[in-house]
Full PDB file with SEQRES, HELIX, SHEET, SSBOND, CRYST1, ORIGX, SCALE, CONECT and MASTER records, all heavy atoms in Angstrom:
SEQRES   1 A   34  GLY GLY GLY CYS GLY LEU VAL ALA CYS SER ASP VAL VAL          
SEQRES   2 A   34  VAL ALA GLU PRO GLN ALA GLN PHE GLY PHE SER GLU VAL          
SEQRES   3 A   34  LYS LEU GLY ILE VAL PRO ALA VAL                              
HELIX    1 AA1 GLY A    2  CYS A    9  1                                   8    
HELIX    2 AA2 SER A   24  LEU A   28  5                                   5    
CRYST1    1.000    1.000    1.000  90.00  90.00  90.00 P 1           1          
ORIGX1      1.000000  0.000000  0.000000        0.00000                         
ORIGX2      0.000000  1.000000  0.000000        0.00000                         
ORIGX3      0.000000  0.000000  1.000000        0.00000                         
SCALE1      1.000000  0.000000  0.000000        0.00000                         
SCALE2      0.000000  1.000000  0.000000        0.00000                         
SCALE3      0.000000  0.000000  1.000000        0.00000                         
ATOM      1  N   GLY A   1     -20.406  67.861  36.326  1.00  0.00           N  
ATOM      2  CA  GLY A   1     -21.177  68.204  37.441  1.00  0.00           C  
ATOM      3  C   GLY A   1     -22.439  67.318  37.540  1.00  0.00           C  
ATOM      4  O   GLY A   1     -22.367  66.107  37.567  1.00  0.00           O  
ATOM      5  N   GLY A   2     -23.589  67.970  37.276  1.00  0.00           N  
ATOM      6  CA  GLY A   2     -24.797  67.251  37.337  1.00  0.00           C  
ATOM      7  C   GLY A   2     -24.880  66.263  36.175  1.00  0.00           C  
ATOM      8  O   GLY A   2     -25.650  65.291  36.244  1.00  0.00           O  
ATOM      9  N   GLY A   3     -24.254  66.523  35.067  1.00  0.00           N  
ATOM     10  CA  GLY A   3     -24.098  65.575  34.001  1.00  0.00           C  
ATOM     11  C   GLY A   3     -23.520  64.252  34.389  1.00  0.00           C  
ATOM     12  O   GLY A   3     -23.954  63.254  33.961  1.00  0.00           O  
ATOM     13  N   CYS A   4     -22.500  64.368  35.299  1.00  0.00           N  
ATOM     14  CA  CYS A   4     -21.950  63.166  35.944  1.00  0.00           C  
ATOM     15  C   CYS A   4     -22.946  62.407  36.821  1.00  0.00           C  
ATOM     16  O   CYS A   4     -23.005  61.185  36.985  1.00  0.00           O  
ATOM     17  CB  CYS A   4     -20.714  63.504  36.728  1.00  0.00           C  
ATOM     18  SG  CYS A   4     -19.145  63.249  35.874  1.00  0.00           S  
ATOM     19  N   GLY A   5     -23.864  63.271  37.357  1.00  0.00           N  
ATOM     20  CA  GLY A   5     -24.928  62.678  38.265  1.00  0.00           C  
ATOM     21  C   GLY A   5     -25.879  61.875  37.365  1.00  0.00           C  
ATOM     22  O   GLY A   5     -26.298  60.737  37.731  1.00  0.00           O  
ATOM     23  N   LEU A   6     -26.173  62.353  36.195  1.00  0.00           N  
ATOM     24  CA  LEU A   6     -27.067  61.491  35.287  1.00  0.00           C  
ATOM     25  C   LEU A   6     -26.383  60.238  34.872  1.00  0.00           C  
ATOM     26  O   LEU A   6     -27.016  59.221  34.873  1.00  0.00           O  
ATOM     27  CB  LEU A   6     -27.294  62.383  34.003  1.00  0.00           C  
ATOM     28  CG  LEU A   6     -28.158  63.636  34.076  1.00  0.00           C  
ATOM     29  CD1 LEU A   6     -28.318  64.277  32.698  1.00  0.00           C  
ATOM     30  CD2 LEU A   6     -29.599  63.181  34.600  1.00  0.00           C  
ATOM     31  N   VAL A   7     -25.078  60.261  34.642  1.00  0.00           N  
ATOM     32  CA  VAL A   7     -24.247  59.104  34.291  1.00  0.00           C  
ATOM     33  C   VAL A   7     -24.301  58.083  35.487  1.00  0.00           C  
ATOM     34  O   VAL A   7     -24.539  56.868  35.331  1.00  0.00           O  
ATOM     35  CB  VAL A   7     -22.882  59.503  33.990  1.00  0.00           C  
ATOM     36  CG1 VAL A   7     -22.023  58.238  33.945  1.00  0.00           C  
ATOM     37  CG2 VAL A   7     -22.779  60.220  32.657  1.00  0.00           C  
ATOM     38  N   ALA A   8     -24.185  58.662  36.693  1.00  0.00           N  
ATOM     39  CA  ALA A   8     -24.163  57.789  37.917  1.00  0.00           C  
ATOM     40  C   ALA A   8     -25.490  57.184  38.139  1.00  0.00           C  
ATOM     41  O   ALA A   8     -25.569  56.010  38.707  1.00  0.00           O  
ATOM     42  CB  ALA A   8     -23.709  58.594  39.108  1.00  0.00           C  
ATOM     43  N   CYS A   9     -26.616  57.729  37.733  1.00  0.00           N  
ATOM     44  CA  CYS A   9     -27.948  57.169  37.962  1.00  0.00           C  
ATOM     45  C   CYS A   9     -28.340  56.167  36.876  1.00  0.00           C  
ATOM     46  O   CYS A   9     -29.362  55.442  37.033  1.00  0.00           O  
ATOM     47  CB  CYS A   9     -28.934  58.334  37.932  1.00  0.00           C  
ATOM     48  SG  CYS A   9     -28.888  59.403  39.306  1.00  0.00           S  
ATOM     49  N   SER A  10     -27.555  56.043  35.820  1.00  0.00           N  
ATOM     50  CA  SER A  10     -27.931  55.145  34.753  1.00  0.00           C  
ATOM     51  C   SER A  10     -27.410  53.783  34.968  1.00  0.00           C  
ATOM     52  O   SER A  10     -26.374  53.571  35.623  1.00  0.00           O  
ATOM     53  CB  SER A  10     -27.362  55.767  33.421  1.00  0.00           C  
ATOM     54  OG  SER A  10     -27.920  56.979  33.158  1.00  0.00           O  
ATOM     55  N   ASP A  11     -28.061  52.704  34.473  1.00  0.00           N  
ATOM     56  CA  ASP A  11     -27.687  51.362  34.731  1.00  0.00           C  
ATOM     57  C   ASP A  11     -26.560  50.930  33.792  1.00  0.00           C  
ATOM     58  O   ASP A  11     -25.691  50.151  34.283  1.00  0.00           O  
ATOM     59  CB  ASP A  11     -28.917  50.493  34.447  1.00  0.00           C  
ATOM     60  CG  ASP A  11     -29.995  50.822  35.444  1.00  0.00           C  
ATOM     61  OD1 ASP A  11     -29.847  50.693  36.645  1.00  0.00           O  
ATOM     62  OD2 ASP A  11     -31.094  51.212  34.928  1.00  0.00           O  
ATOM     63  N   VAL A  12     -26.574  51.356  32.615  1.00  0.00           N  
ATOM     64  CA  VAL A  12     -25.473  51.045  31.625  1.00  0.00           C  
ATOM     65  C   VAL A  12     -25.011  52.340  31.029  1.00  0.00           C  
ATOM     66  O   VAL A  12     -25.934  53.007  30.445  1.00  0.00           O  
ATOM     67  CB  VAL A  12     -25.922  50.010  30.625  1.00  0.00           C  
ATOM     68  CG1 VAL A  12     -24.782  49.600  29.626  1.00  0.00           C  
ATOM     69  CG2 VAL A  12     -26.613  48.787  31.188  1.00  0.00           C  
ATOM     70  N   VAL A  13     -23.741  52.490  30.890  1.00  0.00           N  
ATOM     71  CA  VAL A  13     -23.200  53.816  30.423  1.00  0.00           C  
ATOM     72  C   VAL A  13     -22.237  53.468  29.376  1.00  0.00           C  
ATOM     73  O   VAL A  13     -21.192  52.768  29.614  1.00  0.00           O  
ATOM     74  CB  VAL A  13     -22.588  54.668  31.462  1.00  0.00           C  
ATOM     75  CG1 VAL A  13     -22.132  56.028  30.867  1.00  0.00           C  
ATOM     76  CG2 VAL A  13     -23.508  54.932  32.636  1.00  0.00           C  
ATOM     77  N   VAL A  14     -22.391  53.989  28.112  1.00  0.00           N  
ATOM     78  CA  VAL A  14     -21.454  53.809  27.012  1.00  0.00           C  
ATOM     79  C   VAL A  14     -21.009  55.235  26.670  1.00  0.00           C  
ATOM     80  O   VAL A  14     -21.794  56.055  26.452  1.00  0.00           O  
ATOM     81  CB  VAL A  14     -22.220  53.075  25.783  1.00  0.00           C  
ATOM     82  CG1 VAL A  14     -21.153  52.921  24.629  1.00  0.00           C  
ATOM     83  CG2 VAL A  14     -22.771  51.828  26.204  1.00  0.00           C  
ATOM     84  N   ALA A  15     -19.676  55.387  26.486  1.00  0.00           N  
ATOM     85  CA  ALA A  15     -19.143  56.696  26.232  1.00  0.00           C  
ATOM     86  C   ALA A  15     -18.165  56.607  24.984  1.00  0.00           C  
ATOM     87  O   ALA A  15     -17.518  55.571  24.758  1.00  0.00           O  
ATOM     88  CB  ALA A  15     -18.471  57.240  27.406  1.00  0.00           C  
ATOM     89  N   GLU A  16     -18.118  57.725  24.341  1.00  0.00           N  
ATOM     90  CA  GLU A  16     -17.031  57.759  23.136  1.00  0.00           C  
ATOM     91  C   GLU A  16     -15.631  58.047  23.873  1.00  0.00           C  
ATOM     92  O   GLU A  16     -15.554  58.533  25.031  1.00  0.00           O  
ATOM     93  CB  GLU A  16     -17.422  58.925  22.263  1.00  0.00           C  
ATOM     94  CG  GLU A  16     -17.298  60.326  22.867  1.00  0.00           C  
ATOM     95  CD  GLU A  16     -17.405  61.387  21.809  1.00  0.00           C  
ATOM     96  OE1 GLU A  16     -17.868  61.113  20.674  1.00  0.00           O  
ATOM     97  OE2 GLU A  16     -17.239  62.591  22.217  1.00  0.00           O  
ATOM     98  N   PRO A  17     -14.677  57.606  23.157  1.00  0.00           N  
ATOM     99  CA  PRO A  17     -13.260  57.770  23.728  1.00  0.00           C  
ATOM    100  C   PRO A  17     -12.855  59.152  24.123  1.00  0.00           C  
ATOM    101  O   PRO A  17     -12.095  59.402  25.026  1.00  0.00           O  
ATOM    102  CB  PRO A  17     -12.362  57.223  22.648  1.00  0.00           C  
ATOM    103  CG  PRO A  17     -13.198  56.342  21.762  1.00  0.00           C  
ATOM    104  CD  PRO A  17     -14.619  56.991  21.898  1.00  0.00           C  
ATOM    105  N   GLN A  18     -13.452  60.184  23.343  1.00  0.00           N  
ATOM    106  CA  GLN A  18     -13.120  61.625  23.700  1.00  0.00           C  
ATOM    107  C   GLN A  18     -13.960  62.242  24.822  1.00  0.00           C  
ATOM    108  O   GLN A  18     -13.722  63.402  25.131  1.00  0.00           O  
ATOM    109  CB  GLN A  18     -13.382  62.408  22.312  1.00  0.00           C  
ATOM    110  CG  GLN A  18     -12.373  61.955  21.250  1.00  0.00           C  
ATOM    111  CD  GLN A  18     -12.954  60.745  20.462  1.00  0.00           C  
ATOM    112  OE1 GLN A  18     -14.249  60.477  20.569  1.00  0.00           O  
ATOM    113  NE2 GLN A  18     -12.193  60.055  19.752  1.00  0.00           N  
ATOM    114  N   ALA A  19     -14.823  61.392  25.354  1.00  0.00           N  
ATOM    115  CA  ALA A  19     -15.694  62.030  26.383  1.00  0.00           C  
ATOM    116  C   ALA A  19     -14.897  62.509  27.542  1.00  0.00           C  
ATOM    117  O   ALA A  19     -13.871  61.847  27.951  1.00  0.00           O  
ATOM    118  CB  ALA A  19     -16.792  61.017  26.834  1.00  0.00           C  
ATOM    119  N   GLN A  20     -15.394  63.522  28.237  1.00  0.00           N  
ATOM    120  CA  GLN A  20     -14.617  64.187  29.397  1.00  0.00           C  
ATOM    121  C   GLN A  20     -15.626  64.251  30.556  1.00  0.00           C  
ATOM    122  O   GLN A  20     -16.845  64.609  30.410  1.00  0.00           O  
ATOM    123  CB  GLN A  20     -14.170  65.599  29.067  1.00  0.00           C  
ATOM    124  CG  GLN A  20     -13.010  65.593  28.100  1.00  0.00           C  
ATOM    125  CD  GLN A  20     -11.737  65.240  28.714  1.00  0.00           C  
ATOM    126  OE1 GLN A  20     -11.398  65.764  29.760  1.00  0.00           O  
ATOM    127  NE2 GLN A  20     -11.021  64.281  28.071  1.00  0.00           N  
ATOM    128  N   PHE A  21     -15.182  63.915  31.734  1.00  0.00           N  
ATOM    129  CA  PHE A  21     -16.073  63.828  32.931  1.00  0.00           C  
ATOM    130  C   PHE A  21     -15.374  64.727  34.023  1.00  0.00           C  
ATOM    131  O   PHE A  21     -14.235  64.940  33.945  1.00  0.00           O  
ATOM    132  CB  PHE A  21     -16.124  62.404  33.359  1.00  0.00           C  
ATOM    133  CG  PHE A  21     -16.668  61.426  32.356  1.00  0.00           C  
ATOM    134  CD1 PHE A  21     -15.915  60.881  31.420  1.00  0.00           C  
ATOM    135  CD2 PHE A  21     -18.051  61.075  32.291  1.00  0.00           C  
ATOM    136  CE1 PHE A  21     -16.378  60.020  30.463  1.00  0.00           C  
ATOM    137  CE2 PHE A  21     -18.613  60.241  31.427  1.00  0.00           C  
ATOM    138  CZ  PHE A  21     -17.751  59.667  30.486  1.00  0.00           C  
ATOM    139  N   GLY A  22     -16.226  65.074  34.932  1.00  0.00           N  
ATOM    140  CA  GLY A  22     -15.666  65.840  36.100  1.00  0.00           C  
ATOM    141  C   GLY A  22     -16.790  66.202  37.163  1.00  0.00           C  
ATOM    142  O   GLY A  22     -17.857  66.572  36.731  1.00  0.00           O  
ATOM    143  N   PHE A  23     -16.431  65.991  38.423  1.00  0.00           N  
ATOM    144  CA  PHE A  23     -17.309  66.499  39.527  1.00  0.00           C  
ATOM    145  C   PHE A  23     -16.718  67.920  39.812  1.00  0.00           C  
ATOM    146  O   PHE A  23     -15.974  68.147  40.734  1.00  0.00           O  
ATOM    147  CB  PHE A  23     -17.159  65.550  40.707  1.00  0.00           C  
ATOM    148  CG  PHE A  23     -17.651  64.146  40.406  1.00  0.00           C  
ATOM    149  CD1 PHE A  23     -16.750  63.192  40.013  1.00  0.00           C  
ATOM    150  CD2 PHE A  23     -18.997  63.884  40.357  1.00  0.00           C  
ATOM    151  CE1 PHE A  23     -17.182  61.886  39.739  1.00  0.00           C  
ATOM    152  CE2 PHE A  23     -19.466  62.638  40.067  1.00  0.00           C  
ATOM    153  CZ  PHE A  23     -18.546  61.566  39.752  1.00  0.00           C  
ATOM    154  N   SER A  24     -17.119  68.853  38.957  1.00  0.00           N  
ATOM    155  CA  SER A  24     -16.440  70.145  38.941  1.00  0.00           C  
ATOM    156  C   SER A  24     -16.905  71.136  39.962  1.00  0.00           C  
ATOM    157  O   SER A  24     -16.455  72.288  39.932  1.00  0.00           O  
ATOM    158  CB  SER A  24     -16.538  70.701  37.535  1.00  0.00           C  
ATOM    159  OG  SER A  24     -17.885  70.662  37.150  1.00  0.00           O  
ATOM    160  N   GLU A  25     -17.822  70.755  40.837  1.00  0.00           N  
ATOM    161  CA  GLU A  25     -18.440  71.765  41.688  1.00  0.00           C  
ATOM    162  C   GLU A  25     -17.446  72.556  42.588  1.00  0.00           C  
ATOM    163  O   GLU A  25     -17.721  73.729  42.755  1.00  0.00           O  
ATOM    164  CB  GLU A  25     -19.490  71.046  42.634  1.00  0.00           C  
ATOM    165  CG  GLU A  25     -20.745  70.618  41.939  1.00  0.00           C  
ATOM    166  CD  GLU A  25     -20.639  69.308  41.170  1.00  0.00           C  
ATOM    167  OE1 GLU A  25     -19.559  68.760  41.082  1.00  0.00           O  
ATOM    168  OE2 GLU A  25     -21.666  68.829  40.675  1.00  0.00           O  
ATOM    169  N   VAL A  26     -16.410  71.905  43.030  1.00  0.00           N  
ATOM    170  CA  VAL A  26     -15.503  72.597  44.014  1.00  0.00           C  
ATOM    171  C   VAL A  26     -14.781  73.717  43.286  1.00  0.00           C  
ATOM    172  O   VAL A  26     -14.310  74.757  43.884  1.00  0.00           O  
ATOM    173  CB  VAL A  26     -14.426  71.601  44.596  1.00  0.00           C  
ATOM    174  CG1 VAL A  26     -15.168  70.767  45.542  1.00  0.00           C  
ATOM    175  CG2 VAL A  26     -13.652  70.900  43.493  1.00  0.00           C  
ATOM    176  N   LYS A  27     -14.718  73.674  41.957  1.00  0.00           N  
ATOM    177  CA  LYS A  27     -14.107  74.799  41.187  1.00  0.00           C  
ATOM    178  C   LYS A  27     -14.922  76.148  41.355  1.00  0.00           C  
ATOM    179  O   LYS A  27     -14.436  77.211  41.013  1.00  0.00           O  
ATOM    180  CB  LYS A  27     -13.924  74.518  39.704  1.00  0.00           C  
ATOM    181  CG  LYS A  27     -13.054  73.192  39.395  1.00  0.00           C  
ATOM    182  CD  LYS A  27     -11.663  73.427  39.863  1.00  0.00           C  
ATOM    183  CE  LYS A  27     -10.792  72.211  39.429  1.00  0.00           C  
ATOM    184  NZ  LYS A  27      -9.368  72.326  39.825  1.00  0.00           N  
ATOM    185  N   LEU A  28     -16.210  75.954  41.715  1.00  0.00           N  
ATOM    186  CA  LEU A  28     -17.121  77.051  41.908  1.00  0.00           C  
ATOM    187  C   LEU A  28     -17.316  77.370  43.428  1.00  0.00           C  
ATOM    188  O   LEU A  28     -18.159  78.177  43.710  1.00  0.00           O  
ATOM    189  CB  LEU A  28     -18.472  76.754  41.260  1.00  0.00           C  
ATOM    190  CG  LEU A  28     -18.411  76.452  39.796  1.00  0.00           C  
ATOM    191  CD1 LEU A  28     -19.804  76.075  39.276  1.00  0.00           C  
ATOM    192  CD2 LEU A  28     -17.836  77.587  38.980  1.00  0.00           C  
ATOM    193  N   GLY A  29     -16.603  76.694  44.315  1.00  0.00           N  
ATOM    194  CA  GLY A  29     -16.728  76.875  45.675  1.00  0.00           C  
ATOM    195  C   GLY A  29     -17.899  76.140  46.284  1.00  0.00           C  
ATOM    196  O   GLY A  29     -18.352  76.499  47.441  1.00  0.00           O  
ATOM    197  N   ILE A  30     -18.421  75.219  45.620  1.00  0.00           N  
ATOM    198  CA  ILE A  30     -19.590  74.391  46.108  1.00  0.00           C  
ATOM    199  C   ILE A  30     -19.242  72.980  46.109  1.00  0.00           C  
ATOM    200  O   ILE A  30     -18.045  72.578  45.877  1.00  0.00           O  
ATOM    201  CB  ILE A  30     -20.846  74.683  45.306  1.00  0.00           C  
ATOM    202  CG1 ILE A  30     -20.723  74.405  43.776  1.00  0.00           C  
ATOM    203  CG2 ILE A  30     -21.341  76.090  45.629  1.00  0.00           C  
ATOM    204  CD1 ILE A  30     -21.949  74.550  43.063  1.00  0.00           C  
ATOM    205  N   VAL A  31     -20.102  72.069  46.401  1.00  0.00           N  
ATOM    206  CA  VAL A  31     -19.752  70.606  46.490  1.00  0.00           C  
ATOM    207  C   VAL A  31     -20.780  69.807  45.766  1.00  0.00           C  
ATOM    208  O   VAL A  31     -22.008  70.234  45.609  1.00  0.00           O  
ATOM    209  CB  VAL A  31     -19.674  70.081  47.921  1.00  0.00           C  
ATOM    210  CG1 VAL A  31     -18.456  70.720  48.661  1.00  0.00           C  
ATOM    211  CG2 VAL A  31     -21.015  70.466  48.658  1.00  0.00           C  
ATOM    212  N   PRO A  32     -20.477  68.619  45.285  1.00  0.00           N  
ATOM    213  CA  PRO A  32     -21.448  67.771  44.541  1.00  0.00           C  
ATOM    214  C   PRO A  32     -22.438  66.969  45.499  1.00  0.00           C  
ATOM    215  O   PRO A  32     -22.459  65.693  45.423  1.00  0.00           O  
ATOM    216  CB  PRO A  32     -20.531  66.758  43.701  1.00  0.00           C  
ATOM    217  CG  PRO A  32     -19.298  66.653  44.634  1.00  0.00           C  
ATOM    218  CD  PRO A  32     -19.109  67.941  45.228  1.00  0.00           C  
ATOM    219  N   ALA A  33     -23.029  67.614  46.413  1.00  0.00           N  
ATOM    220  CA  ALA A  33     -23.751  67.050  47.444  1.00  0.00           C  
ATOM    221  C   ALA A  33     -24.891  66.217  47.037  1.00  0.00           C  
ATOM    222  O   ALA A  33     -25.161  65.024  47.402  1.00  0.00           O  
ATOM    223  CB  ALA A  33     -24.195  68.107  48.535  1.00  0.00           C  
ATOM    224  N   VAL A  34     -25.731  66.874  46.159  1.00  0.00           N  
ATOM    225  CA  VAL A  34     -26.950  66.106  45.645  1.00  0.00           C  
ATOM    226  C   VAL A  34     -26.707  64.935  44.897  1.00  0.00           C  
ATOM    227  O   VAL A  34     -27.410  63.888  44.989  1.00  0.00           O  
ATOM    228  CB  VAL A  34     -27.805  67.118  44.879  1.00  0.00           C  
ATOM    229  CG1 VAL A  34     -29.161  66.384  44.474  1.00  0.00           C  
ATOM    230  CG2 VAL A  34     -28.165  68.376  45.725  1.00  0.00           C  
TER     231      VAL A  34                                                      
MASTER        0    0    0    2    0    0    0    6  230    1    0    3          
END                                                                             
């Protein structure tokens, strides 16, 4: 969700192989608008 927003705002992103991502808002009936 918003954690993905932080990632999207960063210039360089390094992640561990086990990291999990998701724009999960629709699972709550909302949208990742902001």
